[in-house]
Amino acid sequence: MKELVEVIAKALVDNPDEVVVTEKEDGRNIVVELHVAQEDMGKVIGKQGRIAKAIRSVVKAASSKDNKRVDVEIV
């Protein structure tokens, strides 16, 4: 899941070198934290959070085959 979030985020931002994705696993739950540059935060979140919701939906669909619950946090 980490790689998927990283590819999506790097395609959206102006500073792809500053994209950092960390993954913490706790049993069936996985927390993926996305760190981007301050000026790119709006591009990752989008108007009314639409892009953030889309990223979460894609990750949720990809994680359903592994029978795991993935939360994406934009930090």
PDB file of N, CA and C in Angstrom:
ATOM      1  N   MET A   1       0.814  -1.197   0.000  1.00  0.00           N
ATOM      2  CA  MET A   1       0.000   0.000   0.000  1.00  0.00           C
ATOM      3  C   MET A   1       0.857   1.260   0.000  1.00  0.00           C
ATOM      4  N   LYS A   2       2.016   1.154   0.641  1.00  0.00           N
ATOM      5  CA  LYS A   2       2.920   2.303   0.725  1.00  0.00           C
ATOM      6  C   LYS A   2       3.318   2.781  -0.665  1.00  0.00           C
ATOM      7  N   GLU A   3       3.635   1.855  -1.534  1.00  0.00           N
ATOM      8  CA  GLU A   3       4.069   2.208  -2.887  1.00  0.00           C
ATOM      9  C   GLU A   3       2.937   2.847  -3.681  1.00  0.00           C
ATOM     10  N   LEU A   4       1.728   2.338  -3.501  1.00  0.00           N
ATOM     11  CA  LEU A   4       0.570   2.885  -4.212  1.00  0.00           C
ATOM     12  C   LEU A   4       0.330   4.339  -3.827  1.00  0.00           C
ATOM     13  N   VAL A   5       0.341   4.634  -2.542  1.00  0.00           N
ATOM     14  CA  VAL A   5       0.133   6.012  -2.068  1.00  0.00           C
ATOM     15  C   VAL A   5       1.255   6.906  -2.557  1.00  0.00           C
ATOM     16  N   GLU A   6       2.476   6.396  -2.553  1.00  0.00           N
ATOM     17  CA  GLU A   6       3.617   7.194  -2.991  1.00  0.00           C
ATOM     18  C   GLU A   6       3.517   7.554  -4.473  1.00  0.00           C
ATOM     19  N   VAL A   7       3.132   6.618  -5.303  1.00  0.00           N
ATOM     20  CA  VAL A   7       2.999   6.877  -6.742  1.00  0.00           C
ATOM     21  C   VAL A   7       1.898   7.907  -7.008  1.00  0.00           C
ATOM     22  N   ILE A   8       0.775   7.763  -6.334  1.00  0.00           N
ATOM     23  CA  ILE A   8      -0.331   8.698  -6.521  1.00  0.00           C
ATOM     24  C   ILE A   8       0.078  10.099  -6.078  1.00  0.00           C
ATOM     25  N   ALA A   9       0.697  10.203  -4.905  1.00  0.00           N
ATOM     26  CA  ALA A   9       1.070  11.512  -4.362  1.00  0.00           C
ATOM     27  C   ALA A   9       2.116  12.198  -5.228  1.00  0.00           C
ATOM     28  N   LYS A  10       3.098  11.458  -5.703  1.00  0.00           N
ATOM     29  CA  LYS A  10       4.153  12.059  -6.529  1.00  0.00           C
ATOM     30  C   LYS A  10       3.600  12.577  -7.845  1.00  0.00           C
ATOM     31  N   ALA A  11       2.533  11.964  -8.337  1.00  0.00           N
ATOM     32  CA  ALA A  11       1.926  12.429  -9.583  1.00  0.00           C
ATOM     33  C   ALA A  11       1.143  13.729  -9.375  1.00  0.00           C
ATOM     34  N   LEU A  12       0.723  13.990  -8.155  1.00  0.00           N
ATOM     35  CA  LEU A  12      -0.111  15.158  -7.877  1.00  0.00           C
ATOM     36  C   LEU A  12       0.670  16.423  -7.526  1.00  0.00           C
ATOM     37  N   VAL A  13       1.824  16.280  -6.889  1.00  0.00           N
ATOM     38  CA  VAL A  13       2.512  17.430  -6.304  1.00  0.00           C
ATOM     39  C   VAL A  13       3.542  18.043  -7.246  1.00  0.00           C
ATOM     40  N   ASP A  14       3.982  19.282  -6.893  1.00  0.00           N
ATOM     41  CA  ASP A  14       5.029  19.965  -7.646  1.00  0.00           C
ATOM     42  C   ASP A  14       6.418  19.546  -7.193  1.00  0.00           C
ATOM     43  N   ASN A  15       6.539  19.110  -5.927  1.00  0.00           N
ATOM     44  CA  ASN A  15       7.828  18.705  -5.366  1.00  0.00           C
ATOM     45  C   ASN A  15       7.803  17.214  -5.023  1.00  0.00           C
ATOM     46  N   PRO A  16       7.939  16.341  -6.014  1.00  0.00           N
ATOM     47  CA  PRO A  16       7.848  14.903  -5.722  1.00  0.00           C
ATOM     48  C   PRO A  16       8.988  14.379  -4.855  1.00  0.00           C
ATOM     49  N   ASP A  17      10.103  15.120  -4.777  1.00  0.00           N
ATOM     50  CA  ASP A  17      11.220  14.672  -3.943  1.00  0.00           C
ATOM     51  C   ASP A  17      10.900  14.778  -2.454  1.00  0.00           C
ATOM     52  N   GLU A  18       9.923  15.610  -2.097  1.00  0.00           N
ATOM     53  CA  GLU A  18       9.586  15.821  -0.695  1.00  0.00           C
ATOM     54  C   GLU A  18       8.446  14.922  -0.216  1.00  0.00           C
ATOM     55  N   VAL A  19       7.997  14.015  -1.050  1.00  0.00           N
ATOM     56  CA  VAL A  19       6.935  13.085  -0.651  1.00  0.00           C
ATOM     57  C   VAL A  19       7.564  11.952   0.161  1.00  0.00           C
ATOM     58  N   VAL A  20       7.043  11.768   1.375  1.00  0.00           N
ATOM     59  CA  VAL A  20       7.524  10.699   2.250  1.00  0.00           C
ATOM     60  C   VAL A  20       6.310   9.910   2.732  1.00  0.00           C
ATOM     61  N   VAL A  21       6.343   8.609   2.557  1.00  0.00           N
ATOM     62  CA  VAL A  21       5.243   7.739   2.968  1.00  0.00           C
ATOM     63  C   VAL A  21       5.787   6.730   3.969  1.00  0.00           C
ATOM     64  N   THR A  22       5.125   6.654   5.124  1.00  0.00           N
ATOM     65  CA  THR A  22       5.510   5.657   6.124  1.00  0.00           C
ATOM     66  C   THR A  22       4.319   4.748   6.382  1.00  0.00           C
ATOM     67  N   GLU A  23       4.618   3.528   6.753  1.00  0.00           N
ATOM     68  CA  GLU A  23       3.576   2.521   6.953  1.00  0.00           C
ATOM     69  C   GLU A  23       3.785   1.849   8.304  1.00  0.00           C
ATOM     70  N   LYS A  24       2.714   1.820   9.104  1.00  0.00           N
ATOM     71  CA  LYS A  24       2.765   1.160  10.407  1.00  0.00           C
ATOM     72  C   LYS A  24       1.704   0.077  10.427  1.00  0.00           C
ATOM     73  N   GLU A  25       2.114  -1.136  10.753  1.00  0.00           N
ATOM     74  CA  GLU A  25       1.189  -2.264  10.740  1.00  0.00           C
ATOM     75  C   GLU A  25       0.926  -2.733  12.168  1.00  0.00           C
ATOM     76  N   ASP A  26      -0.348  -2.954  12.475  1.00  0.00           N
ATOM     77  CA  ASP A  26      -0.752  -3.428  13.794  1.00  0.00           C
ATOM     78  C   ASP A  26      -1.816  -4.497  13.593  1.00  0.00           C
ATOM     79  N   GLY A  27      -1.387  -5.736  13.429  1.00  0.00           N
ATOM     80  CA  GLY A  27      -2.332  -6.825  13.189  1.00  0.00           C
ATOM     81  C   GLY A  27      -2.954  -6.694  11.816  1.00  0.00           C
ATOM     82  N   ARG A  28      -4.293  -6.546  11.775  1.00  0.00           N
ATOM     83  CA  ARG A  28      -4.995  -6.395  10.492  1.00  0.00           C
ATOM     84  C   ARG A  28      -5.099  -4.941  10.062  1.00  0.00           C
ATOM     85  N   ASN A  29      -4.706  -4.016  10.939  1.00  0.00           N
ATOM     86  CA  ASN A  29      -4.796  -2.593  10.625  1.00  0.00           C
ATOM     87  C   ASN A  29      -3.449  -2.057  10.163  1.00  0.00           C
ATOM     88  N   ILE A  30      -3.498  -1.257   9.113  1.00  0.00           N
ATOM     89  CA  ILE A  30      -2.298  -0.613   8.591  1.00  0.00           C
ATOM     90  C   ILE A  30      -2.581   0.882   8.507  1.00  0.00           C
ATOM     91  N   VAL A  31      -1.653   1.690   9.026  1.00  0.00           N
ATOM     92  CA  VAL A  31      -1.774   3.140   8.938  1.00  0.00           C
ATOM     93  C   VAL A  31      -0.687   3.629   7.993  1.00  0.00           C
ATOM     94  N   VAL A  32      -1.099   4.301   6.929  1.00  0.00           N
ATOM     95  CA  VAL A  32      -0.164   4.859   5.956  1.00  0.00           C
ATOM     96  C   VAL A  32      -0.178   6.371   6.141  1.00  0.00           C
ATOM     97  N   GLU A  33       0.990   6.927   6.487  1.00  0.00           N
ATOM     98  CA  GLU A  33       1.108   8.370   6.687  1.00  0.00           C
ATOM     99  C   GLU A  33       1.783   8.986   5.479  1.00  0.00           C
ATOM    100  N   LEU A  34       1.163  10.033   4.955  1.00  0.00           N
ATOM    101  CA  LEU A  34       1.671  10.736   3.774  1.00  0.00           C
ATOM    102  C   LEU A  34       2.141  12.118   4.192  1.00  0.00           C
ATOM    103  N   HIS A  35       3.429  12.396   3.976  1.00  0.00           N
ATOM    104  CA  HIS A  35       4.011  13.701   4.278  1.00  0.00           C
ATOM    105  C   HIS A  35       4.378  14.359   2.948  1.00  0.00           C
ATOM    106  N   VAL A  36       3.894  15.588   2.731  1.00  0.00           N
ATOM    107  CA  VAL A  36       4.232  16.342   1.524  1.00  0.00           C
ATOM    108  C   VAL A  36       4.693  17.731   1.941  1.00  0.00           C
ATOM    109  N   ALA A  37       5.261  18.476   0.998  1.00  0.00           N
ATOM    110  CA  ALA A  37       5.676  19.846   1.262  1.00  0.00           C
ATOM    111  C   ALA A  37       4.441  20.694   1.576  1.00  0.00           C
ATOM    112  N   GLN A  38       4.645  21.728   2.378  1.00  0.00           N
ATOM    113  CA  GLN A  38       3.523  22.575   2.812  1.00  0.00           C
ATOM    114  C   GLN A  38       2.763  23.167   1.624  1.00  0.00           C
ATOM    115  N   GLU A  39       3.487  23.603   0.594  1.00  0.00           N
ATOM    116  CA  GLU A  39       2.809  24.228  -0.550  1.00  0.00           C
ATOM    117  C   GLU A  39       2.050  23.217  -1.410  1.00  0.00           C
ATOM    118  N   ASP A  40       2.317  21.920  -1.236  1.00  0.00           N
ATOM    119  CA  ASP A  40       1.621  20.877  -1.992  1.00  0.00           C
ATOM    120  C   ASP A  40       0.444  20.269  -1.224  1.00  0.00           C
ATOM    121  N   MET A  41       0.239  20.702  -0.005  1.00  0.00           N
ATOM    122  CA  MET A  41      -0.810  20.111   0.835  1.00  0.00           C
ATOM    123  C   MET A  41      -2.187  20.254   0.180  1.00  0.00           C
ATOM    124  N   GLY A  42      -2.479  21.398  -0.394  1.00  0.00           N
ATOM    125  CA  GLY A  42      -3.774  21.619  -1.031  1.00  0.00           C
ATOM    126  C   GLY A  42      -3.997  20.734  -2.241  1.00  0.00           C
ATOM    127  N   LYS A  43      -2.946  20.414  -2.945  1.00  0.00           N
ATOM    128  CA  LYS A  43      -3.073  19.550  -4.127  1.00  0.00           C
ATOM    129  C   LYS A  43      -3.401  18.121  -3.739  1.00  0.00           C
ATOM    130  N   VAL A  44      -2.895  17.690  -2.592  1.00  0.00           N
ATOM    131  CA  VAL A  44      -3.143  16.319  -2.146  1.00  0.00           C
ATOM    132  C   VAL A  44      -4.530  16.202  -1.506  1.00  0.00           C
ATOM    133  N   ILE A  45      -4.966  17.270  -0.831  1.00  0.00           N
ATOM    134  CA  ILE A  45      -6.278  17.235  -0.172  1.00  0.00           C
ATOM    135  C   ILE A  45      -7.390  17.545  -1.168  1.00  0.00           C
ATOM    136  N   GLY A  46      -7.207  18.557  -1.986  1.00  0.00           N
ATOM    137  CA  GLY A  46      -8.206  18.916  -2.985  1.00  0.00           C
ATOM    138  C   GLY A  46      -9.346  19.730  -2.403  1.00  0.00           C
ATOM    139  N   LYS A  47     -10.189  20.238  -3.275  1.00  0.00           N
ATOM    140  CA  LYS A  47     -11.341  21.020  -2.824  1.00  0.00           C
ATOM    141  C   LYS A  47     -12.301  20.128  -2.054  1.00  0.00           C
ATOM    142  N   GLN A  48     -12.628  20.577  -0.849  1.00  0.00           N
ATOM    143  CA  GLN A  48     -13.525  19.846   0.055  1.00  0.00           C
ATOM    144  C   GLN A  48     -13.054  18.420   0.311  1.00  0.00           C
ATOM    145  N   GLY A  49     -11.750  18.176   0.178  1.00  0.00           N
ATOM    146  CA  GLY A  49     -11.186  16.871   0.491  1.00  0.00           C
ATOM    147  C   GLY A  49     -11.463  15.789  -0.534  1.00  0.00           C
ATOM    148  N   ARG A  50     -11.824  16.182  -1.730  1.00  0.00           N
ATOM    149  CA  ARG A  50     -12.204  15.188  -2.754  1.00  0.00           C
ATOM    150  C   ARG A  50     -11.035  14.301  -3.175  1.00  0.00           C
ATOM    151  N   ILE A  51      -9.858  14.886  -3.348  1.00  0.00           N
ATOM    152  CA  ILE A  51      -8.713  14.081  -3.778  1.00  0.00           C
ATOM    153  C   ILE A  51      -8.284  13.146  -2.657  1.00  0.00           C
ATOM    154  N   ALA A  52      -8.303  13.634  -1.418  1.00  0.00           N
ATOM    155  CA  ALA A  52      -7.954  12.786  -0.276  1.00  0.00           C
ATOM    156  C   ALA A  52      -8.924  11.612  -0.174  1.00  0.00           C
ATOM    157  N   LYS A  53     -10.204  11.865  -0.379  1.00  0.00           N
ATOM    158  CA  LYS A  53     -11.201  10.781  -0.351  1.00  0.00           C
ATOM    159  C   LYS A  53     -10.950   9.780  -1.473  1.00  0.00           C
ATOM    160  N   ALA A  54     -10.566  10.287  -2.649  1.00  0.00           N
ATOM    161  CA  ALA A  54     -10.295   9.395  -3.784  1.00  0.00           C
ATOM    162  C   ALA A  54      -9.080   8.515  -3.503  1.00  0.00           C
ATOM    163  N   ILE A  55      -8.036   9.095  -2.912  1.00  0.00           N
ATOM    164  CA  ILE A  55      -6.849   8.309  -2.567  1.00  0.00           C
ATOM    165  C   ILE A  55      -7.235   7.212  -1.580  1.00  0.00           C
ATOM    166  N   ARG A  56      -8.024   7.577  -0.570  1.00  0.00           N
ATOM    167  CA  ARG A  56      -8.445   6.593   0.431  1.00  0.00           C
ATOM    168  C   ARG A  56      -9.298   5.490  -0.197  1.00  0.00           C
ATOM    169  N   SER A  57     -10.148   5.853  -1.153  1.00  0.00           N
ATOM    170  CA  SER A  57     -10.994   4.858  -1.815  1.00  0.00           C
ATOM    171  C   SER A  57     -10.167   3.868  -2.624  1.00  0.00           C
ATOM    172  N   VAL A  58      -9.178   4.368  -3.349  1.00  0.00           N
ATOM    173  CA  VAL A  58      -8.321   3.498  -4.158  1.00  0.00           C
ATOM    174  C   VAL A  58      -7.539   2.547  -3.261  1.00  0.00           C
ATOM    175  N   VAL A  59      -7.003   3.076  -2.155  1.00  0.00           N
ATOM    176  CA  VAL A  59      -6.232   2.240  -1.236  1.00  0.00           C
ATOM    177  C   VAL A  59      -7.132   1.211  -0.564  1.00  0.00           C
ATOM    178  N   LYS A  60      -8.340   1.613  -0.222  1.00  0.00           N
ATOM    179  CA  LYS A  60      -9.282   0.676   0.401  1.00  0.00           C
ATOM    180  C   LYS A  60      -9.630  -0.461  -0.557  1.00  0.00           C
ATOM    181  N   ALA A  61      -9.842  -0.124  -1.820  1.00  0.00           N
ATOM    182  CA  ALA A  61     -10.156  -1.153  -2.811  1.00  0.00           C
ATOM    183  C   ALA A  61      -8.972  -2.094  -3.010  1.00  0.00           C
ATOM    184  N   ALA A  62      -7.767  -1.545  -3.029  1.00  0.00           N
ATOM    185  CA  ALA A  62      -6.584  -2.384  -3.219  1.00  0.00           C
ATOM    186  C   ALA A  62      -6.314  -3.264  -2.000  1.00  0.00           C
ATOM    187  N   SER A  63      -6.678  -2.793  -0.821  1.00  0.00           N
ATOM    188  CA  SER A  63      -6.392  -3.562   0.391  1.00  0.00           C
ATOM    189  C   SER A  63      -7.458  -4.605   0.692  1.00  0.00           C
ATOM    190  N   SER A  64      -8.597  -4.533   0.048  1.00  0.00           N
ATOM    191  CA  SER A  64      -9.676  -5.477   0.347  1.00  0.00           C
ATOM    192  C   SER A  64      -9.300  -6.909  -0.036  1.00  0.00           C
ATOM    193  N   LYS A  65      -8.463  -7.077  -1.042  1.00  0.00           N
ATOM    194  CA  LYS A  65      -8.061  -8.430  -1.437  1.00  0.00           C
ATOM    195  C   LYS A  65      -7.117  -9.059  -0.414  1.00  0.00           C
ATOM    196  N   ASP A  66      -6.411  -8.223   0.370  1.00  0.00           N
ATOM    197  CA  ASP A  66      -5.503  -8.732   1.397  1.00  0.00           C
ATOM    198  C   ASP A  66      -6.202  -8.926   2.735  1.00  0.00           C
ATOM    199  N   ASN A  67      -7.495  -8.587   2.790  1.00  0.00           N
ATOM    200  CA  ASN A  67      -8.284  -8.712   4.014  1.00  0.00           C
ATOM    201  C   ASN A  67      -7.672  -7.893   5.151  1.00  0.00           C
ATOM    202  N   LYS A  68      -7.231  -6.676   4.819  1.00  0.00           N
ATOM    203  CA  LYS A  68      -6.651  -5.771   5.805  1.00  0.00           C
ATOM    204  C   LYS A  68      -7.390  -4.441   5.745  1.00  0.00           C
ATOM    205  N   ARG A  69      -7.319  -3.701   6.845  1.00  0.00           N
ATOM    206  CA  ARG A  69      -7.933  -2.376   6.917  1.00  0.00           C
ATOM    207  C   ARG A  69      -6.824  -1.340   6.855  1.00  0.00           C
ATOM    208  N   VAL A  70      -6.885  -0.454   5.884  1.00  0.00           N
ATOM    209  CA  VAL A  70      -5.831   0.540   5.685  1.00  0.00           C
ATOM    210  C   VAL A  70      -6.412   1.933   5.876  1.00  0.00           C
ATOM    211  N   ASP A  71      -5.750   2.729   6.720  1.00  0.00           N
ATOM    212  CA  ASP A  71      -6.119   4.120   6.923  1.00  0.00           C
ATOM    213  C   ASP A  71      -5.015   4.981   6.346  1.00  0.00           C
ATOM    214  N   VAL A  72      -5.386   5.989   5.547  1.00  0.00           N
ATOM    215  CA  VAL A  72      -4.411   6.919   4.985  1.00  0.00           C
ATOM    216  C   VAL A  72      -4.545   8.235   5.718  1.00  0.00           C
ATOM    217  N   GLU A  73      -3.451   8.680   6.324  1.00  0.00           N
ATOM    218  CA  GLU A  73      -3.423   9.953   7.038  1.00  0.00           C
ATOM    219  C   GLU A  73      -2.491  10.890   6.310  1.00  0.00           C
ATOM    220  N   ILE A  74      -2.983  12.101   6.038  1.00  0.00           N
ATOM    221  CA  ILE A  74      -2.170  13.122   5.384  1.00  0.00           C
ATOM    222  C   ILE A  74      -1.665  14.055   6.482  1.00  0.00           C
ATOM    223  N   VAL A  75      -0.348  14.039   6.666  1.00  0.00           N
ATOM    224  CA  VAL A  75       0.251  14.792   7.780  1.00  0.00           C
ATOM    225  C   VAL A  75       0.908  16.040   7.262  1.00  0.00           C
TER     226      VAL A  75
END
